């Protein structure tokens, strides 16, 4: 299926590894030019160079801290200077630390909100004017399964990402008539370095081992395995495409059937 993305310019966050990296690759394979973003300069430039060679596409790496307003402004200005426009925004940031509510401080919540919620708001505010002027745009946020089913000890992810979900729903209605479509993708347990880190954190809290925690994760998934980053990336690429032209304001799970609710 031709997704109609050839020549589009995408900005993808958290792209030096994991879900962001897989998403950047999927968009490059569909003919997009991709601005790949991560905090550290060397890893993101290496990742962009690798994907450019692998796919034959155009990818550039940009170092930026998406939790810092000034850094976001500089990032968007540099991407526009390099690519002239931004047609697609894939908001993806690193997950916050695991922690039980009794052990958290207000400052922990503030940091999580800056990283996982306000970064999306700031990026969108800077790219939306151009999208609306051109009457075409796609914004996809990568949140988490926990926006539907909050997980114990994950409140720093549960709460900010639930805020993103509500914001996306509101924003989607305001910009749809201008050809800008906005959706959430909510992954379950996808096998990335982040999942391995979470298994270690859970093992420490529960007095088990990372291997046992990974086994627990697999046992909660009806398909019987962890997801692959490229499976999530394929969904994101579809939502960015011309083929998804009647989809907006949605929160779509990619979780192997793990969520038990109806809505």
Protein backbone atom coordinates (compact mmCIF):
# COMPACT_ATOMS: atom_id res chain seq x y z
CA UNK A 1 0.00 0.00 0.00
CA UNK A 2 1.31 3.43 -0.97
CA UNK A 3 0.82 5.65 2.08
CA UNK A 4 1.24 8.84 0.06
CA UNK A 5 4.05 10.18 2.22
CA UNK A 6 6.79 10.67 -0.34
CA UNK A 7 8.46 14.05 0.14
CA UNK A 8 6.72 14.86 3.43
CA UNK A 9 8.90 16.21 6.25
CA UNK A 10 8.58 14.54 9.66
CA UNK A 11 9.97 15.53 13.04
CA UNK A 12 10.31 12.51 15.34
CA UNK A 13 11.19 12.77 19.03
CA UNK A 14 13.16 10.28 21.10
CA UNK A 15 14.58 8.90 17.87
CA UNK A 16 18.06 7.70 18.83
CA UNK A 17 16.65 4.32 19.90
CA UNK A 18 13.51 2.35 20.66
CA UNK A 19 10.10 3.43 19.40
CA UNK A 20 11.27 6.77 18.05
CA UNK A 21 14.06 5.13 16.05
CA UNK A 22 11.69 2.51 14.62
CA UNK A 23 9.18 5.24 13.71
CA UNK A 24 11.84 7.32 11.96
CA UNK A 25 12.85 4.25 9.96
CA UNK A 26 9.26 3.47 8.95
CA UNK A 27 8.69 7.03 7.75
CA UNK A 28 11.96 7.05 5.82
CA UNK A 29 10.94 3.82 4.12
CA UNK A 30 7.73 5.55 3.03
CA UNK A 31 9.68 8.38 1.40
CA UNK A 32 9.59 11.00 4.15
CA UNK A 33 12.48 13.25 5.02
CA UNK A 34 13.00 12.89 8.76
CA UNK A 35 14.36 15.20 11.43
CA UNK A 36 15.37 12.85 14.25
CA UNK A 37 15.55 14.34 17.73
CA UNK A 38 17.11 13.22 20.99
CA UNK A 39 18.85 14.83 23.95
CA UNK A 40 22.43 13.87 23.07
CA UNK A 41 24.18 15.06 19.91
CA UNK A 42 26.42 12.12 19.07
CA UNK A 43 23.87 9.29 19.44
CA UNK A 44 21.19 11.05 17.39
CA UNK A 45 23.60 12.04 14.63
CA UNK A 46 24.89 8.45 14.48
CA UNK A 47 21.32 7.11 14.37
CA UNK A 48 20.37 9.50 11.55
CA UNK A 49 23.48 8.60 9.55
CA UNK A 50 22.79 4.89 9.98
CA UNK A 51 19.16 5.14 8.87
CA UNK A 52 20.04 7.35 5.90
CA UNK A 53 22.45 4.69 4.67
CA UNK A 54 20.10 1.80 5.42
CA UNK A 55 17.00 3.29 3.79
CA UNK A 56 18.54 5.54 1.16
CA UNK A 57 16.43 8.35 2.57
CA UNK A 58 17.18 11.75 4.07
CA UNK A 59 17.53 11.88 7.84
CA UNK A 60 19.24 14.51 9.97
CA UNK A 61 19.90 14.33 13.70
CA UNK A 62 19.11 17.23 16.04
CA UNK A 63 20.00 17.39 19.73
CA UNK A 64 17.34 19.00 21.92
CA UNK A 65 15.86 18.70 25.39
CA UNK A 66 12.11 18.68 24.73
CA UNK A 67 11.35 19.50 28.35
CA UNK A 68 13.03 22.92 27.98
CA UNK A 69 11.05 25.68 26.18
CA UNK A 70 14.10 27.41 24.70
CA UNK A 71 15.50 24.13 23.42
CA UNK A 72 12.20 23.35 21.66
CA UNK A 73 12.15 26.78 19.99
CA UNK A 74 15.72 26.37 18.73
CA UNK A 75 14.97 22.84 17.50
CA UNK A 76 11.98 23.86 15.40
CA UNK A 77 13.87 26.82 13.96
CA UNK A 78 16.80 24.57 12.96
CA UNK A 79 14.54 21.93 11.42
CA UNK A 80 12.70 24.57 9.39
CA UNK A 81 16.02 25.98 8.25
CA UNK A 82 17.12 22.53 7.06
CA UNK A 83 13.85 21.23 5.59
CA UNK A 84 11.77 24.39 5.02
CA UNK A 85 8.62 22.92 6.60
CA UNK A 86 7.29 20.31 9.04
CA UNK A 87 4.37 18.23 7.77
CA UNK A 88 4.38 15.55 10.45
CA UNK A 89 5.11 15.70 14.17
CA UNK A 90 5.59 12.49 16.11
CA UNK A 91 5.80 13.40 19.77
CA UNK A 92 7.77 10.81 21.71
CA UNK A 93 9.76 11.35 24.88
CA UNK A 94 11.49 9.11 27.37
CA UNK A 95 9.41 7.58 30.12
CA UNK A 96 9.66 9.03 33.64
CA UNK A 97 10.97 7.05 36.62
CA UNK A 98 8.93 4.39 38.35
CA UNK A 99 7.83 5.31 41.87
CA UNK A 100 5.09 4.85 44.40
CA UNK A 101 3.09 7.98 45.24
CA UNK A 102 4.22 7.97 48.89
CA UNK A 103 7.84 8.35 47.77
CA UNK A 104 7.33 11.11 45.20
CA UNK A 105 7.73 14.87 45.56
CA UNK A 106 5.85 17.65 43.80
CA UNK A 107 9.03 18.36 41.84
CA UNK A 108 8.86 14.84 40.38
CA UNK A 109 5.40 15.57 38.98
CA UNK A 110 6.54 18.92 37.59
CA UNK A 111 9.45 17.27 35.76
CA UNK A 112 7.16 14.58 34.35
CA UNK A 113 4.66 17.18 33.14
CA UNK A 114 7.41 19.19 31.43
CA UNK A 115 8.80 16.11 29.72
CA UNK A 116 5.68 14.19 28.75
CA UNK A 117 2.91 16.80 28.46
CA UNK A 118 4.16 20.36 28.02
CA UNK A 119 6.74 19.27 25.46
CA UNK A 120 3.90 18.10 23.21
CA UNK A 121 2.02 21.37 23.70
CA UNK A 122 5.07 23.47 22.90
CA UNK A 123 6.06 21.51 19.81
CA UNK A 124 2.53 21.56 18.44
CA UNK A 125 2.17 25.29 19.01
CA UNK A 126 5.24 25.87 16.85
CA UNK A 127 4.44 23.49 13.98
CA UNK A 128 0.67 23.95 13.74
CA UNK A 129 0.66 27.40 12.06
CA UNK A 130 2.53 26.04 9.04
CA UNK A 131 0.37 22.91 8.86
CA UNK A 132 -2.84 24.92 8.99
CA UNK A 133 -1.60 27.36 6.36
CA UNK A 134 -0.76 24.48 3.99
CA UNK A 135 -4.03 22.70 4.87
CA UNK A 136 -2.20 19.45 5.63
CA UNK A 137 -0.60 18.08 8.76
CA UNK A 138 -0.33 15.08 11.03
CA UNK A 139 0.43 15.00 14.74
CA UNK A 140 0.82 11.64 16.49
CA UNK A 141 1.72 11.34 20.14
CA UNK A 142 3.21 8.13 21.48
CA UNK A 143 1.81 7.76 24.98
CA UNK A 144 1.22 4.48 26.81
CA UNK A 145 -1.23 1.69 27.48
CA UNK A 146 -1.54 3.26 30.95
CA UNK A 147 -3.74 6.10 29.65
CA UNK A 148 -6.47 3.45 29.48
CA UNK A 149 -5.45 1.29 32.42
CA UNK A 150 -3.17 3.08 34.92
CA UNK A 151 -0.35 0.88 36.18
CA UNK A 152 0.80 0.67 39.83
CA UNK A 153 3.94 2.73 40.59
CA UNK A 154 3.65 4.48 37.21
CA UNK A 155 1.81 7.62 38.27
CA UNK A 156 4.50 9.85 36.73
CA UNK A 157 3.57 8.28 33.40
CA UNK A 158 -0.15 7.67 34.04
CA UNK A 159 -1.06 11.27 34.88
CA UNK A 160 0.89 13.36 32.30
CA UNK A 161 0.03 11.00 29.46
CA UNK A 162 -3.63 11.04 30.38
CA UNK A 163 -3.34 14.83 30.09
CA UNK A 164 -1.84 14.41 26.60
CA UNK A 165 -4.79 12.20 25.62
CA UNK A 166 -7.33 14.82 26.69
CA UNK A 167 -5.38 17.61 25.02
CA UNK A 168 -5.14 15.68 21.75
CA UNK A 169 -8.88 15.06 21.74
CA UNK A 170 -9.54 18.77 22.25
CA UNK A 171 -6.93 19.92 19.74
CA UNK A 172 -8.10 17.49 17.05
CA UNK A 173 -11.54 19.11 16.91
CA UNK A 174 -10.07 22.60 16.57
CA UNK A 175 -7.72 21.89 13.66
CA UNK A 176 -9.51 19.15 11.68
CA UNK A 177 -11.17 21.58 9.26
CA UNK A 178 -7.69 22.81 8.30
CA UNK A 179 -6.59 19.35 7.22
CA UNK A 180 -4.57 18.65 10.36
CA UNK A 181 -5.23 15.28 11.98
CA UNK A 182 -4.16 14.53 15.55
CA UNK A 183 -4.08 11.08 17.18
CA UNK A 184 -2.56 9.17 20.07
CA UNK A 185 -0.87 5.79 19.83
CA UNK A 186 -0.65 3.94 23.13
CA UNK A 187 1.81 1.04 23.22
CA UNK A 188 1.66 -1.79 25.68
CA UNK A 189 4.77 -3.83 26.44
CA UNK A 190 7.06 -3.32 23.44
CA UNK A 191 10.51 -4.90 23.62
CA UNK A 192 12.84 -1.91 23.87
CA UNK A 193 15.63 -0.89 26.22
CA UNK A 194 12.98 1.01 28.21
CA UNK A 195 11.11 -2.24 28.93
CA UNK A 196 14.31 -3.87 30.12
CA UNK A 197 14.95 -0.90 32.41
CA UNK A 198 11.40 -1.15 33.78
CA UNK A 199 11.88 -4.86 34.45
CA UNK A 200 14.92 -4.02 36.56
CA UNK A 201 12.99 -1.32 38.47
CA UNK A 202 10.06 -3.67 39.12
CA UNK A 203 12.43 -6.42 40.26
CA UNK A 204 13.98 -4.05 42.79
CA UNK A 205 10.56 -3.00 44.13
CA UNK A 206 9.13 -6.52 44.22
CA UNK A 207 12.19 -8.41 45.39
CA UNK A 208 12.34 -10.57 42.27
CA UNK A 209 14.58 -10.64 39.19
CA UNK A 210 14.35 -8.80 35.86
CA UNK A 211 13.84 -12.14 34.12
CA UNK A 212 10.83 -12.95 36.31
CA UNK A 213 9.36 -9.49 35.73
CA UNK A 214 9.73 -9.91 31.96
CA UNK A 215 7.99 -13.25 32.24
CA UNK A 216 5.13 -11.58 34.14
CA UNK A 217 4.79 -9.01 31.35
CA UNK A 218 4.57 -11.71 28.70
CA UNK A 219 1.99 -13.56 30.77
CA UNK A 220 -0.31 -10.49 30.76
CA UNK A 221 -0.41 -10.31 26.94
CA UNK A 222 -2.96 -12.48 25.10
CA UNK A 223 -0.74 -12.86 22.02
CA UNK A 224 1.89 -14.34 24.35
CA UNK A 225 4.84 -12.09 23.53
CA UNK A 226 6.18 -8.58 23.78
CA UNK A 227 5.54 -6.27 20.87
CA UNK A 228 8.17 -5.28 18.34
CA UNK A 229 9.11 -1.61 17.82
CA UNK A 230 8.44 -1.93 14.09
CA UNK A 231 4.85 -3.01 14.80
CA UNK A 232 4.17 0.21 16.68
CA UNK A 233 6.05 2.20 14.02
CA UNK A 234 3.86 0.78 11.25
CA UNK A 235 0.76 2.05 13.04
CA UNK A 236 2.26 5.51 13.46
CA UNK A 237 3.24 5.65 9.80
CA UNK A 238 -0.30 4.72 8.78
CA UNK A 239 -1.79 7.47 10.96
CA UNK A 240 0.58 9.96 9.33
CA UNK A 241 -0.51 8.93 5.86
CA UNK A 242 -3.05 9.94 3.26
CA UNK A 243 -4.76 6.59 3.90
CA UNK A 244 -5.75 7.73 7.40
CA UNK A 245 -7.47 10.88 6.18
CA UNK A 246 -10.68 10.28 8.17
CA UNK A 247 -9.05 9.41 11.49
CA UNK A 248 -8.54 12.09 14.12
CA UNK A 249 -8.94 12.49 17.86
CA UNK A 250 -8.36 8.79 18.49
CA UNK A 251 -6.36 6.89 21.07
CA UNK A 252 -5.28 3.63 19.47
CA UNK A 253 -3.79 0.83 21.54
CA UNK A 254 -0.93 -1.31 20.25
CA UNK A 255 -0.76 -3.81 23.10
CA UNK A 256 -1.32 -7.37 21.89
CA UNK A 257 -4.75 -7.39 23.54
CA UNK A 258 -3.48 -6.58 27.04
CA UNK A 259 -6.13 -3.94 27.81
CA UNK A 260 -9.20 -5.58 29.32
CA UNK A 261 -11.72 -2.73 29.01
CA UNK A 262 -14.28 -2.01 26.31
CA UNK A 263 -13.54 1.68 25.68
